[in-house]
Amino acid sequence: MKKKQTSLPPYRILGIDPGTNLLGYAVIEVYQKKMKLVELGVVKLGMLDDPYKKLKKIFERVQSIIKTHTPKEVAIEAPFFGKNVQSMLKLGRAQGVAITAASTLNIPVTEYAPKKIKVAITGNGNASKQQVEAMLTNQFKIDLSKQYLDATDALATATCHFYQNKHLSHGQKRYDGWAGYLKNNPDRKKN
């Protein structure tokens, strides 16, 4: 008797590029190992003078995006290490608030270094933002030239998460080796 194939719902991933003036976000949907862009944008925070109001706005918007699109996982870009300690502190706070917004809704969060994201998208850890954008334009077959780079960085982060976790495509089983695979797929054994 043949196994009945069940149709699983699409699997959504939220990518976030944290920032205190612009926070980029992208929601992608994975279905049958293919990615589709659902939403892409930025949360504009520059008009707020109070840094704590910015953090509150980040928390509220990230939770709103999660409630609207119901991603199964969140991928967030890690802050890069620069010379300006104050900028690093602000960026770290924004990232922490975004992580907390997802965590309080029980959404797992994975952090990726900027170089790892660039390698996943372009194959080059030193690629420019424009090179990343060009690869994503080709991957998703959409024009990203009018988007903020923060939004395309978020899309790159979500895409990186998919590439790093190909098992996300609808509950594919992962195996520890050939023996584990054969145990769960006895029809594949040759006698």
Protein backbone atom coordinates (compact mmCIF):
# COMPACT_ATOMS: atom_id res chain seq x y z
CA MET A 1 0.00 0.00 0.00
CA LYS A 2 1.34 3.41 -0.96
CA LYS A 3 1.79 6.05 1.72
CA LYS A 4 -0.61 8.94 1.45
CA GLN A 5 1.31 12.18 0.98
CA THR A 6 0.16 14.94 3.24
CA SER A 7 0.35 18.51 2.09
CA LEU A 8 2.18 20.54 4.70
CA PRO A 9 1.61 24.26 5.01
CA PRO A 10 4.34 26.64 3.92
CA TYR A 11 7.12 27.30 6.43
CA ARG A 12 7.83 30.96 7.11
CA ILE A 13 11.07 32.56 8.26
CA LEU A 14 11.43 36.15 9.48
CA GLY A 15 14.79 37.77 8.78
CA ILE A 16 15.81 40.85 10.75
CA ASP A 17 18.60 43.38 10.22
CA PRO A 18 18.57 45.27 13.54
CA GLY A 19 19.14 48.99 13.69
CA THR A 20 18.23 52.01 15.76
CA ASN A 21 17.28 54.28 12.86
CA LEU A 22 16.11 51.63 10.39
CA LEU A 23 15.32 48.03 11.24
CA GLY A 24 15.06 45.85 8.16
CA TYR A 25 12.77 42.85 8.03
CA ALA A 26 11.80 40.22 5.48
CA VAL A 27 9.39 37.31 5.64
CA ILE A 28 10.02 34.41 3.28
CA GLU A 29 7.91 31.35 2.74
CA VAL A 30 9.40 27.95 2.04
CA TYR A 31 7.30 25.43 0.19
CA GLN A 32 8.61 22.28 -1.46
CA LYS A 33 12.21 23.52 -1.08
CA LYS A 34 11.45 26.80 -2.86
CA MET A 35 11.54 30.26 -1.33
CA LYS A 36 9.06 33.03 -1.98
CA LEU A 37 9.15 36.57 -0.61
CA VAL A 38 6.06 37.40 1.45
CA GLU A 39 6.92 40.85 2.82
CA LEU A 40 9.94 43.12 2.85
CA GLY A 41 10.36 46.47 4.56
CA VAL A 42 11.88 48.67 7.22
CA VAL A 43 10.76 50.06 10.53
CA LYS A 44 11.70 53.73 10.52
CA LEU A 45 12.90 54.90 13.92
CA GLY A 46 14.87 58.05 13.07
CA MET A 47 12.01 60.38 13.98
CA LEU A 48 12.11 59.22 17.61
CA ASP A 49 14.60 61.09 19.79
CA ASP A 50 14.23 58.98 22.91
CA PRO A 51 16.33 55.77 22.59
CA TYR A 52 13.95 53.89 24.88
CA LYS A 53 10.97 54.77 22.70
CA LYS A 54 12.94 53.36 19.75
CA LEU A 55 13.44 50.09 21.62
CA LYS A 56 9.74 49.94 22.52
CA LYS A 57 8.82 50.54 18.87
CA ILE A 58 11.20 47.74 17.76
CA PHE A 59 9.61 45.34 20.24
CA GLU A 60 6.05 46.24 19.15
CA ARG A 61 6.74 46.08 15.39
CA VAL A 62 8.65 42.78 15.55
CA GLN A 63 5.81 41.24 17.55
CA SER A 64 3.26 42.67 15.10
CA ILE A 65 5.13 41.22 12.11
CA ILE A 66 5.31 37.84 13.86
CA LYS A 67 1.60 37.87 14.71
CA THR A 68 0.70 38.86 11.15
CA HIS A 69 2.90 36.34 9.31
CA THR A 70 3.35 33.57 11.91
CA PRO A 71 6.94 32.60 11.07
CA LYS A 72 8.23 29.38 12.57
CA GLU A 73 11.72 30.82 13.08
CA VAL A 74 13.54 34.14 13.18
CA ALA A 75 17.01 34.75 11.77
CA ILE A 76 18.80 37.90 12.90
CA GLU A 77 22.03 39.50 11.75
CA ALA A 78 24.65 39.81 14.49
CA PRO A 79 26.20 43.22 15.02
CA PHE A 80 29.54 43.64 13.31
CA PHE A 81 32.40 44.83 15.48
CA GLY A 82 33.33 48.41 14.73
CA LYS A 83 35.44 51.04 16.41
CA ASN A 84 32.52 53.14 17.66
CA VAL A 85 31.57 51.64 21.01
CA GLN A 86 28.42 53.78 21.35
CA SER A 87 27.10 52.57 17.98
CA MET A 88 27.81 48.96 18.96
CA LEU A 89 25.95 49.41 22.23
CA LYS A 90 22.89 50.90 20.49
CA LEU A 91 22.90 48.18 17.84
CA GLY A 92 23.24 45.47 20.49
CA ARG A 93 20.25 46.86 22.36
CA ALA A 94 18.15 46.90 19.18
CA GLN A 95 19.15 43.31 18.44
CA GLY A 96 18.39 42.23 22.01
CA VAL A 97 14.93 43.78 21.92
CA ALA A 98 14.15 42.12 18.57
CA ILE A 99 15.31 38.75 19.96
CA THR A 100 13.18 39.26 23.08
CA ALA A 101 10.14 40.17 20.98
CA ALA A 102 10.42 36.84 19.15
CA SER A 103 11.38 34.81 22.21
CA THR A 104 8.40 35.98 24.25
CA LEU A 105 6.19 34.57 21.48
CA ASN A 106 8.12 31.27 21.64
CA ILE A 107 9.70 31.73 18.21
CA PRO A 108 13.23 30.28 17.98
CA VAL A 109 15.90 32.79 16.99
CA THR A 110 19.20 32.12 15.22
CA GLU A 111 21.94 34.72 14.89
CA TYR A 112 24.24 34.95 11.86
CA ALA A 113 27.44 36.92 11.45
CA PRO A 114 27.44 39.32 8.47
CA LYS A 115 30.26 37.39 6.75
CA LYS A 116 28.38 34.09 7.09
CA ILE A 117 25.31 35.68 5.48
CA LYS A 118 27.40 37.04 2.60
CA VAL A 119 29.04 33.65 2.06
CA ALA A 120 25.63 31.93 2.03
CA ILE A 121 24.25 34.37 -0.55
CA THR A 122 27.24 35.15 -2.78
CA GLY A 123 29.95 32.67 -1.85
CA ASN A 124 32.17 35.60 -0.80
CA GLY A 125 32.34 36.83 2.80
CA ASN A 126 33.65 40.21 1.61
CA ALA A 127 30.87 40.83 -0.94
CA SER A 128 29.38 44.31 -1.09
CA LYS A 129 25.77 45.01 -0.14
CA GLN A 130 25.12 45.62 -3.83
CA GLN A 131 26.47 42.18 -4.75
CA VAL A 132 24.21 40.60 -2.11
CA GLU A 133 21.27 42.57 -3.50
CA ALA A 134 22.05 41.38 -7.05
CA MET A 135 22.11 37.72 -5.97
CA LEU A 136 18.83 38.11 -4.09
CA THR A 137 17.25 39.85 -7.10
CA ASN A 138 18.20 36.83 -9.19
CA GLN A 139 17.06 34.32 -6.53
CA PHE A 140 13.63 35.86 -5.89
CA LYS A 141 13.08 37.29 -9.40
CA ILE A 142 12.11 40.71 -8.03
CA ASP A 143 13.57 44.20 -8.33
CA LEU A 144 15.19 45.15 -5.03
CA SER A 145 16.91 48.30 -6.31
CA LYS A 146 14.35 50.63 -4.71
CA GLN A 147 14.49 48.91 -1.31
CA TYR A 148 16.50 50.09 1.67
CA LEU A 149 19.70 48.07 2.08
CA ASP A 150 18.48 47.25 5.60
CA ALA A 151 15.50 45.42 4.08
CA THR A 152 17.66 43.50 1.60
CA ASP A 153 20.05 42.63 4.45
CA ALA A 154 17.07 41.16 6.33
CA LEU A 155 16.10 39.17 3.24
CA ALA A 156 19.68 37.92 2.99
CA THR A 157 19.54 36.85 6.65
CA ALA A 158 16.30 34.88 6.17
CA THR A 159 17.69 33.32 2.98
CA CYS A 160 20.93 32.39 4.77
CA HIS A 161 18.87 30.68 7.47
CA PHE A 162 17.08 28.63 4.83
CA TYR A 163 20.37 27.62 3.18
CA GLN A 164 21.88 26.68 6.53
CA ASN A 165 18.82 24.61 7.48
CA LYS A 166 17.51 22.94 4.35
CA HIS A 167 15.56 20.51 6.55
CA LEU A 168 13.14 23.42 7.12
CA SER A 169 11.44 22.53 3.88
CA HIS A 170 8.47 20.95 5.48
CA GLY A 171 9.54 18.68 8.17
CA GLN A 172 12.08 16.75 6.20
CA LYS A 173 13.64 14.22 8.50
CA ARG A 174 17.29 14.58 9.41
CA TYR A 175 19.44 11.50 9.90
CA ASP A 176 22.64 10.93 11.82
CA GLY A 177 24.02 8.74 9.08
CA TRP A 178 23.24 5.95 6.66
CA ALA A 179 22.13 3.56 9.43
CA GLY A 180 19.57 6.09 10.70
CA TYR A 181 18.29 6.68 7.19
CA LEU A 182 17.88 2.94 6.52
CA LYS A 183 16.14 2.43 9.85
CA ASN A 184 13.47 4.95 8.88
CA ASN A 185 13.36 3.89 5.21
CA PRO A 186 13.47 0.06 5.19
CA ASP A 187 12.19 -0.05 1.60
CA ARG A 188 15.52 1.46 0.47
CA LYS A 189 17.57 -1.56 1.56
CA LYS A 190 18.96 -3.77 -1.17
CA ASN A 191 18.93 -7.47 -0.36
